[in-house]
Amino acid sequence: MNNQSEPVKRFIAGAVCPACSQMDTIRMFQVDEVPHRECVACGYADTLDERGNSVPSELPTRVTIQPSSKPSPTSHVAQFYPNPKLKKKD
């Protein structure tokens, strides 16, 4: 007996997760004839359009707030000092 509340989820052989780059962890399923995919390794999930492209959750615009990026812990601040050997020309 087919349970209508739970869609049938099938693994896609050779598919690579766009988030964690793991192979063979993507499974596809359909809800109301709309294809979805999810990664069982990292939890990434998205919806696909009729051509198989990922549908963004929000279209990026000029006013879309991007999360602030913090500098990596291996980076450092470079500070420049004036050269004392160079004298100003009057």
PDB file of N, CA and C in Angstrom:
ATOM      1  N   MET A   1       0.841  -1.177   0.000  1.00  0.00           N
ATOM      2  CA  MET A   1       0.000   0.000   0.000  1.00  0.00           C
ATOM      3  C   MET A   1       0.888   1.242   0.000  1.00  0.00           C
ATOM      4  N   ASN A   2       0.598   2.189  -0.867  1.00  0.00           N
ATOM      5  CA  ASN A   2       1.415   3.392  -1.022  1.00  0.00           C
ATOM      6  C   ASN A   2       0.916   4.469  -0.068  1.00  0.00           C
ATOM      7  N   ASN A   3       1.798   4.987   0.782  1.00  0.00           N
ATOM      8  CA  ASN A   3       1.453   6.029   1.731  1.00  0.00           C
ATOM      9  C   ASN A   3       1.636   7.388   1.062  1.00  0.00           C
ATOM     10  N   GLN A   4       0.576   8.173   0.926  1.00  0.00           N
ATOM     11  CA  GLN A   4       0.622   9.455   0.211  1.00  0.00           C
ATOM     12  C   GLN A   4       1.323  10.541   1.021  1.00  0.00           C
ATOM     13  N   SER A   5       1.453  10.410   2.338  1.00  0.00           N
ATOM     14  CA  SER A   5       2.051  11.467   3.143  1.00  0.00           C
ATOM     15  C   SER A   5       3.575  11.504   2.998  1.00  0.00           C
ATOM     16  N   GLU A   6       4.197  10.385   2.774  1.00  0.00           N
ATOM     17  CA  GLU A   6       5.656  10.318   2.616  1.00  0.00           C
ATOM     18  C   GLU A   6       6.029  10.064   1.166  1.00  0.00           C
ATOM     19  N   PRO A   7       6.765  10.990   0.531  1.00  0.00           N
ATOM     20  CA  PRO A   7       7.189  10.738  -0.852  1.00  0.00           C
ATOM     21  C   PRO A   7       8.281   9.675  -0.901  1.00  0.00           C
ATOM     22  N   VAL A   8       8.380   9.005  -2.033  1.00  0.00           N
ATOM     23  CA  VAL A   8       9.420   8.002  -2.228  1.00  0.00           C
ATOM     24  C   VAL A   8      10.727   8.741  -2.518  1.00  0.00           C
ATOM     25  N   LYS A   9      11.755   8.475  -1.703  1.00  0.00           N
ATOM     26  CA  LYS A   9      13.046   9.142  -1.863  1.00  0.00           C
ATOM     27  C   LYS A   9      14.036   8.133  -2.425  1.00  0.00           C
ATOM     28  N   ARG A  10      14.701   8.529  -3.533  1.00  0.00           N
ATOM     29  CA  ARG A  10      15.633   7.627  -4.211  1.00  0.00           C
ATOM     30  C   ARG A  10      17.010   8.276  -4.288  1.00  0.00           C
ATOM     31  N   PHE A  11      18.036   7.490  -3.976  1.00  0.00           N
ATOM     32  CA  PHE A  11      19.402   7.988  -4.108  1.00  0.00           C
ATOM     33  C   PHE A  11      19.777   8.087  -5.579  1.00  0.00           C
ATOM     34  N   ILE A  12      20.554   9.095  -5.931  1.00  0.00           N
ATOM     35  CA  ILE A  12      21.012   9.318  -7.292  1.00  0.00           C
ATOM     36  C   ILE A  12      22.492   8.920  -7.360  1.00  0.00           C
ATOM     37  N   ALA A  13      22.780   7.863  -8.099  1.00  0.00           N
ATOM     38  CA  ALA A  13      24.149   7.347  -8.200  1.00  0.00           C
ATOM     39  C   ALA A  13      25.056   8.364  -8.878  1.00  0.00           C
ATOM     40  N   GLY A  14      26.180   8.646  -8.251  1.00  0.00           N
ATOM     41  CA  GLY A  14      27.175   9.544  -8.824  1.00  0.00           C
ATOM     42  C   GLY A  14      26.913  11.012  -8.580  1.00  0.00           C
ATOM     43  N   ALA A  15      25.786  11.356  -7.952  1.00  0.00           N
ATOM     44  CA  ALA A  15      25.478  12.772  -7.690  1.00  0.00           C
ATOM     45  C   ALA A  15      26.369  13.286  -6.565  1.00  0.00           C
ATOM     46  N   VAL A  16      26.831  14.536  -6.723  1.00  0.00           N
ATOM     47  CA  VAL A  16      27.707  15.168  -5.741  1.00  0.00           C
ATOM     48  C   VAL A  16      26.941  16.303  -5.079  1.00  0.00           C
ATOM     49  N   CYS A  17      26.994  16.362  -3.767  1.00  0.00           N
ATOM     50  CA  CYS A  17      26.305  17.408  -3.023  1.00  0.00           C
ATOM     51  C   CYS A  17      26.972  18.758  -3.298  1.00  0.00           C
ATOM     52  N   PRO A  18      26.198  19.799  -3.661  1.00  0.00           N
ATOM     53  CA  PRO A  18      26.794  21.104  -3.915  1.00  0.00           C
ATOM     54  C   PRO A  18      27.301  21.787  -2.645  1.00  0.00           C
ATOM     55  N   ALA A  19      26.884  21.340  -1.486  1.00  0.00           N
ATOM     56  CA  ALA A  19      27.313  21.971  -0.240  1.00  0.00           C
ATOM     57  C   ALA A  19      28.549  21.296   0.357  1.00  0.00           C
ATOM     58  N   CYS A  20      28.534  19.974   0.497  1.00  0.00           N
ATOM     59  CA  CYS A  20      29.643  19.285   1.176  1.00  0.00           C
ATOM     60  C   CYS A  20      30.530  18.481   0.228  1.00  0.00           C
ATOM     61  N   SER A  21      30.188  18.408  -1.048  1.00  0.00           N
ATOM     62  CA  SER A  21      30.964  17.717  -2.088  1.00  0.00           C
ATOM     63  C   SER A  21      31.083  16.208  -1.877  1.00  0.00           C
ATOM     64  N   GLN A  22      30.201  15.624  -1.087  1.00  0.00           N
ATOM     65  CA  GLN A  22      30.194  14.177  -0.905  1.00  0.00           C
ATOM     66  C   GLN A  22      29.459  13.537  -2.073  1.00  0.00           C
ATOM     67  N   MET A  23      29.971  12.406  -2.548  1.00  0.00           N
ATOM     68  CA  MET A  23      29.329  11.694  -3.650  1.00  0.00           C
ATOM     69  C   MET A  23      28.391  10.632  -3.100  1.00  0.00           C
ATOM     70  N   ASP A  24      27.315  10.390  -3.832  1.00  0.00           N
ATOM     71  CA  ASP A  24      26.325   9.351  -3.522  1.00  0.00           C
ATOM     72  C   ASP A  24      25.591   9.595  -2.208  1.00  0.00           C
ATOM     73  N   THR A  25      25.369  10.860  -1.840  1.00  0.00           N
ATOM     74  CA  THR A  25      24.594  11.173  -0.638  1.00  0.00           C
ATOM     75  C   THR A  25      23.325  11.948  -0.967  1.00  0.00           C
ATOM     76  N   ILE A  26      23.072  12.207  -2.254  1.00  0.00           N
ATOM     77  CA  ILE A  26      21.901  12.973  -2.680  1.00  0.00           C
ATOM     78  C   ILE A  26      20.741  12.027  -2.962  1.00  0.00           C
ATOM     79  N   ARG A  27      19.593  12.350  -2.424  1.00  0.00           N
ATOM     80  CA  ARG A  27      18.393  11.603  -2.764  1.00  0.00           C
ATOM     81  C   ARG A  27      17.340  12.580  -3.261  1.00  0.00           C
ATOM     82  N   MET A  28      16.590  12.120  -4.260  1.00  0.00           N
ATOM     83  CA  MET A  28      15.579  12.936  -4.936  1.00  0.00           C
ATOM     84  C   MET A  28      14.192  12.431  -4.559  1.00  0.00           C
ATOM     85  N   PHE A  29      13.244  13.367  -4.538  1.00  0.00           N
ATOM     86  CA  PHE A  29      11.847  13.017  -4.316  1.00  0.00           C
ATOM     87  C   PHE A  29      10.977  14.127  -4.877  1.00  0.00           C
ATOM     88  N   GLN A  30       9.693  13.841  -5.045  1.00  0.00           N
ATOM     89  CA  GLN A  30       8.752  14.826  -5.584  1.00  0.00           C
ATOM     90  C   GLN A  30       7.623  15.056  -4.600  1.00  0.00           C
ATOM     91  N   VAL A  31       7.267  16.347  -4.469  1.00  0.00           N
ATOM     92  CA  VAL A  31       6.117  16.738  -3.666  1.00  0.00           C
ATOM     93  C   VAL A  31       5.243  17.598  -4.572  1.00  0.00           C
ATOM     94  N   ASP A  32       4.033  17.155  -4.824  1.00  0.00           N
ATOM     95  CA  ASP A  32       3.109  17.850  -5.738  1.00  0.00           C
ATOM     96  C   ASP A  32       3.737  18.089  -7.104  1.00  0.00           C
ATOM     97  N   GLU A  33       4.382  17.074  -7.632  1.00  0.00           N
ATOM     98  CA  GLU A  33       5.018  17.107  -8.960  1.00  0.00           C
ATOM     99  C   GLU A  33       6.190  18.095  -9.053  1.00  0.00           C
ATOM    100  N   VAL A  34       6.715  18.559  -7.917  1.00  0.00           N
ATOM    101  CA  VAL A  34       7.877  19.457  -7.888  1.00  0.00           C
ATOM    102  C   VAL A  34       9.064  18.659  -7.356  1.00  0.00           C
ATOM    103  N   PRO A  35      10.158  18.559  -8.142  1.00  0.00           N
ATOM    104  CA  PRO A  35      11.308  17.776  -7.688  1.00  0.00           C
ATOM    105  C   PRO A  35      12.106  18.488  -6.602  1.00  0.00           C
ATOM    106  N   HIS A  36      12.531  17.708  -5.625  1.00  0.00           N
ATOM    107  CA  HIS A  36      13.364  18.192  -4.522  1.00  0.00           C
ATOM    108  C   HIS A  36      14.561  17.257  -4.396  1.00  0.00           C
ATOM    109  N   ARG A  37      15.635  17.776  -3.801  1.00  0.00           N
ATOM    110  CA  ARG A  37      16.781  16.918  -3.498  1.00  0.00           C
ATOM    111  C   ARG A  37      17.300  17.290  -2.122  1.00  0.00           C
ATOM    112  N   GLU A  38      17.925  16.302  -1.480  1.00  0.00           N
ATOM    113  CA  GLU A  38      18.499  16.536  -0.166  1.00  0.00           C
ATOM    114  C   GLU A  38      19.729  15.658   0.015  1.00  0.00           C
ATOM    115  N   CYS A  39      20.650  16.135   0.840  1.00  0.00           N
ATOM    116  CA  CYS A  39      21.877  15.393   1.135  1.00  0.00           C
ATOM    117  C   CYS A  39      21.728  14.760   2.504  1.00  0.00           C
ATOM    118  N   VAL A  40      21.976  13.462   2.587  1.00  0.00           N
ATOM    119  CA  VAL A  40      21.858  12.772   3.871  1.00  0.00           C
ATOM    120  C   VAL A  40      23.105  12.986   4.733  1.00  0.00           C
ATOM    121  N   ALA A  41      24.199  13.491   4.149  1.00  0.00           N
ATOM    122  CA  ALA A  41      25.426  13.713   4.905  1.00  0.00           C
ATOM    123  C   ALA A  41      25.414  15.044   5.656  1.00  0.00           C
ATOM    124  N   CYS A  42      25.028  16.130   4.963  1.00  0.00           N
ATOM    125  CA  CYS A  42      25.116  17.457   5.584  1.00  0.00           C
ATOM    126  C   CYS A  42      23.769  18.126   5.804  1.00  0.00           C
ATOM    127  N   GLY A  43      22.692  17.569   5.237  1.00  0.00           N
ATOM    128  CA  GLY A  43      21.372  18.150   5.427  1.00  0.00           C
ATOM    129  C   GLY A  43      20.982  19.187   4.397  1.00  0.00           C
ATOM    130  N   TYR A  44      21.832  19.430   3.398  1.00  0.00           N
ATOM    131  CA  TYR A  44      21.512  20.391   2.342  1.00  0.00           C
ATOM    132  C   TYR A  44      20.246  19.942   1.628  1.00  0.00           C
ATOM    133  N   ALA A  45      19.373  20.883   1.325  1.00  0.00           N
ATOM    134  CA  ALA A  45      18.140  20.568   0.601  1.00  0.00           C
ATOM    135  C   ALA A  45      17.768  21.747  -0.285  1.00  0.00           C
ATOM    136  N   ASP A  46      17.225  21.475  -1.455  1.00  0.00           N
ATOM    137  CA  ASP A  46      16.729  22.528  -2.330  1.00  0.00           C
ATOM    138  C   ASP A  46      15.656  21.977  -3.248  1.00  0.00           C
ATOM    139  N   THR A  47      15.054  22.892  -3.992  1.00  0.00           N
ATOM    140  CA  THR A  47      14.003  22.572  -4.946  1.00  0.00           C
ATOM    141  C   THR A  47      14.557  22.789  -6.345  1.00  0.00           C
ATOM    142  N   LEU A  48      14.153  21.968  -7.294  1.00  0.00           N
ATOM    143  CA  LEU A  48      14.625  22.079  -8.661  1.00  0.00           C
ATOM    144  C   LEU A  48      13.513  22.590  -9.568  1.00  0.00           C
ATOM    145  N   ASP A  49      13.905  23.339 -10.613  1.00  0.00           N
ATOM    146  CA  ASP A  49      12.920  23.800 -11.587  1.00  0.00           C
ATOM    147  C   ASP A  49      12.735  22.743 -12.667  1.00  0.00           C
ATOM    148  N   GLU A  50      11.960  23.066 -13.699  1.00  0.00           N
ATOM    149  CA  GLU A  50      11.656  22.075 -14.739  1.00  0.00           C
ATOM    150  C   GLU A  50      12.875  21.669 -15.550  1.00  0.00           C
ATOM    151  N   ARG A  51      13.932  22.483 -15.556  1.00  0.00           N
ATOM    152  CA  ARG A  51      15.159  22.145 -16.284  1.00  0.00           C
ATOM    153  C   ARG A  51      16.198  21.463 -15.406  1.00  0.00           C
ATOM    154  N   GLY A  52      15.886  21.274 -14.121  1.00  0.00           N
ATOM    155  CA  GLY A  52      16.800  20.601 -13.214  1.00  0.00           C
ATOM    156  C   GLY A  52      17.765  21.534 -12.510  1.00  0.00           C
ATOM    157  N   ASN A  53      17.549  22.852 -12.627  1.00  0.00           N
ATOM    158  CA  ASN A  53      18.409  23.819 -11.943  1.00  0.00           C
ATOM    159  C   ASN A  53      17.854  24.120 -10.560  1.00  0.00           C
ATOM    160  N   SER A  54      18.746  24.427  -9.650  1.00  0.00           N
ATOM    161  CA  SER A  54      18.356  24.754  -8.290  1.00  0.00           C
ATOM    162  C   SER A  54      17.601  26.082  -8.269  1.00  0.00           C
ATOM    163  N   VAL A  55      16.504  26.111  -7.534  1.00  0.00           N
ATOM    164  CA  VAL A  55      15.717  27.332  -7.393  1.00  0.00           C
ATOM    165  C   VAL A  55      16.189  28.026  -6.121  1.00  0.00           C
ATOM    166  N   PRO A  56      16.705  29.258  -6.248  1.00  0.00           N
ATOM    167  CA  PRO A  56      17.178  29.946  -5.037  1.00  0.00           C
ATOM    168  C   PRO A  56      16.011  30.291  -4.124  1.00  0.00           C
ATOM    169  N   SER A  57      16.275  30.287  -2.825  1.00  0.00           N
ATOM    170  CA  SER A  57      15.218  30.602  -1.887  1.00  0.00           C
ATOM    171  C   SER A  57      14.859  32.082  -1.944  1.00  0.00           C
ATOM    172  N   GLU A  58      15.824  32.926  -2.252  1.00  0.00           N
ATOM    173  CA  GLU A  58      15.568  34.349  -2.428  1.00  0.00           C
ATOM    174  C   GLU A  58      16.445  34.845  -3.558  1.00  0.00           C
ATOM    175  N   LEU A  59      15.873  35.597  -4.482  1.00  0.00           N
ATOM    176  CA  LEU A  59      16.660  36.121  -5.584  1.00  0.00           C
ATOM    177  C   LEU A  59      17.603  37.196  -5.075  1.00  0.00           C
ATOM    178  N   PRO A  60      18.894  37.106  -5.430  1.00  0.00           N
ATOM    179  CA  PRO A  60      19.841  38.122  -4.966  1.00  0.00           C
ATOM    180  C   PRO A  60      19.587  39.460  -5.667  1.00  0.00           C
ATOM    181  N   THR A  61      19.536  40.511  -4.891  1.00  0.00           N
ATOM    182  CA  THR A  61      19.348  41.856  -5.424  1.00  0.00           C
ATOM    183  C   THR A  61      20.349  42.793  -4.769  1.00  0.00           C
ATOM    184  N   ARG A  62      20.293  44.066  -5.160  1.00  0.00           N
ATOM    185  CA  ARG A  62      21.199  45.039  -4.552  1.00  0.00           C
ATOM    186  C   ARG A  62      20.909  45.226  -3.076  1.00  0.00           C
ATOM    187  N   VAL A  63      19.690  45.013  -2.656  1.00  0.00           N
ATOM    188  CA  VAL A  63      19.321  45.239  -1.264  1.00  0.00           C
ATOM    189  C   VAL A  63      19.288  43.966  -0.429  1.00  0.00           C
ATOM    190  N   THR A  64      19.625  42.830  -1.019  1.00  0.00           N
ATOM    191  CA  THR A  64      19.684  41.591  -0.266  1.00  0.00           C
ATOM    192  C   THR A  64      20.808  41.696   0.755  1.00  0.00           C
ATOM    193  N   ILE A  65      20.491  41.441   2.001  1.00  0.00           N
ATOM    194  CA  ILE A  65      21.494  41.530   3.062  1.00  0.00           C
ATOM    195  C   ILE A  65      22.343  40.264   3.034  1.00  0.00           C
ATOM    196  N   GLN A  66      23.624  40.460   2.808  1.00  0.00           N
ATOM    197  CA  GLN A  66      24.556  39.346   2.796  1.00  0.00           C
ATOM    198  C   GLN A  66      25.157  39.185   4.186  1.00  0.00           C
ATOM    199  N   PRO A  67      25.378  37.969   4.629  1.00  0.00           N
ATOM    200  CA  PRO A  67      26.025  37.798   5.931  1.00  0.00           C
ATOM    201  C   PRO A  67      27.436  38.364   5.875  1.00  0.00           C
ATOM    202  N   SER A  68      27.806  39.036   6.954  1.00  0.00           N
ATOM    203  CA  SER A  68      29.134  39.636   6.972  1.00  0.00           C
ATOM    204  C   SER A  68      30.188  38.538   7.053  1.00  0.00           C
ATOM    205  N   SER A  69      31.239  38.724   6.297  1.00  0.00           N
ATOM    206  CA  SER A  69      32.304  37.736   6.300  1.00  0.00           C
ATOM    207  C   SER A  69      33.399  38.197   7.257  1.00  0.00           C
ATOM    208  N   LYS A  70      33.812  37.302   8.102  1.00  0.00           N
ATOM    209  CA  LYS A  70      34.874  37.603   9.050  1.00  0.00           C
ATOM    210  C   LYS A  70      36.200  37.161   8.442  1.00  0.00           C
ATOM    211  N   PRO A  71      37.281  37.880   8.737  1.00  0.00           N
ATOM    212  CA  PRO A  71      38.572  37.463   8.194  1.00  0.00           C
ATOM    213  C   PRO A  71      38.970  36.097   8.745  1.00  0.00           C
ATOM    214  N   SER A  72      39.674  35.357   7.949  1.00  0.00           N
ATOM    215  CA  SER A  72      40.100  34.035   8.394  1.00  0.00           C
ATOM    216  C   SER A  72      41.122  34.183   9.516  1.00  0.00           C
ATOM    217  N   PRO A  73      41.202  33.207  10.409  1.00  0.00           N
ATOM    218  CA  PRO A  73      42.129  33.332  11.536  1.00  0.00           C
ATOM    219  C   PRO A  73      43.598  33.328  11.109  1.00  0.00           C
ATOM    220  N   THR A  74      43.879  32.911   9.884  1.00  0.00           N
ATOM    221  CA  THR A  74      45.271  32.905   9.443  1.00  0.00           C
ATOM    222  C   THR A  74      45.687  34.231   8.823  1.00  0.00           C
ATOM    223  N   SER A  75      44.729  35.150   8.607  1.00  0.00           N
ATOM    224  CA  SER A  75      45.083  36.432   8.004  1.00  0.00           C
ATOM    225  C   SER A  75      45.541  37.403   9.082  1.00  0.00           C
ATOM    226  N   HIS A  76      46.269  38.403   8.665  1.00  0.00           N
ATOM    227  CA  HIS A  76      46.732  39.422   9.600  1.00  0.00           C
ATOM    228  C   HIS A  76      46.638  40.790   8.937  1.00  0.00           C
ATOM    229  N   VAL A  77      46.688  41.819   9.755  1.00  0.00           N
ATOM    230  CA  VAL A  77      46.584  43.177   9.258  1.00  0.00           C
ATOM    231  C   VAL A  77      47.979  43.680   8.916  1.00  0.00           C
ATOM    232  N   ALA A  78      48.121  44.244   7.723  1.00  0.00           N
ATOM    233  CA  ALA A  78      49.400  44.834   7.319  1.00  0.00           C
ATOM    234  C   ALA A  78      49.333  46.324   7.583  1.00  0.00           C
ATOM    235  N   GLN A  79      50.316  46.830   8.336  1.00  0.00           N
ATOM    236  CA  GLN A  79      50.337  48.247   8.652  1.00  0.00           C
ATOM    237  C   GLN A  79      51.577  48.855   8.007  1.00  0.00           C
ATOM    238  N   PHE A  80      51.379  49.962   7.308  1.00  0.00           N
ATOM    239  CA  PHE A  80      52.476  50.619   6.619  1.00  0.00           C
ATOM    240  C   PHE A  80      52.850  51.903   7.360  1.00  0.00           C
ATOM    241  N   TYR A  81      54.168  52.120   7.513  1.00  0.00           N
ATOM    242  CA  TYR A  81      54.673  53.326   8.163  1.00  0.00           C
ATOM    243  C   TYR A  81      55.413  54.160   7.128  1.00  0.00           C
ATOM    244  N   PRO A  82      55.404  55.488   7.285  1.00  0.00           N
ATOM    245  CA  PRO A  82      56.141  56.319   6.332  1.00  0.00           C
ATOM    246  C   PRO A  82      57.643  56.081   6.462  1.00  0.00           C
ATOM    247  N   ASN A  83      58.344  56.197   5.350  1.00  0.00           N
ATOM    248  CA  ASN A  83      59.778  55.991   5.339  1.00  0.00           C
ATOM    249  C   ASN A  83      60.447  57.245   5.914  1.00  0.00           C
ATOM    250  N   PRO A  84      61.174  57.110   7.044  1.00  0.00           N
ATOM    251  CA  PRO A  84      61.793  58.296   7.648  1.00  0.00           C
ATOM    252  C   PRO A  84      62.969  58.837   6.826  1.00  0.00           C
ATOM    253  N   LYS A  85      63.505  58.050   5.908  1.00  0.00           N
ATOM    254  CA  LYS A  85      64.636  58.495   5.104  1.00  0.00           C
ATOM    255  C   LYS A  85      64.203  59.470   4.011  1.00  0.00           C
ATOM    256  N   LEU A  86      62.925  59.417   3.653  1.00  0.00           N
ATOM    257  CA  LEU A  86      62.446  60.338   2.637  1.00  0.00           C
ATOM    258  C   LEU A  86      62.047  61.645   3.301  1.00  0.00           C
ATOM    259  N   LYS A  87      62.604  62.746   2.824  1.00  0.00           N
ATOM    260  CA  LYS A  87      62.290  64.040   3.401  1.00  0.00           C
ATOM    261  C   LYS A  87      61.354  64.784   2.455  1.00  0.00           C
ATOM    262  N   LYS A  88      60.503  65.593   3.046  1.00  0.00           N
ATOM    263  CA  LYS A  88      59.586  66.395   2.245  1.00  0.00           C
ATOM    264  C   LYS A  88      60.354  67.475   1.515  1.00  0.00           C
ATOM    265  N   LYS A  89      59.971  67.721   0.277  1.00  0.00           N
ATOM    266  CA  LYS A  89      60.582  68.787  -0.507  1.00  0.00           C
ATOM    267  C   LYS A  89      59.762  70.048  -0.280  1.00  0.00           C
ATOM    268  N   ASP A  90      60.428  71.137   0.096  1.00  0.00           N
ATOM    269  CA  ASP A  90      59.728  72.399   0.344  1.00  0.00           C
ATOM    270  C   ASP A  90      59.744  73.283  -0.844  1.00  0.00           C
TER     271      ASP A  90
END
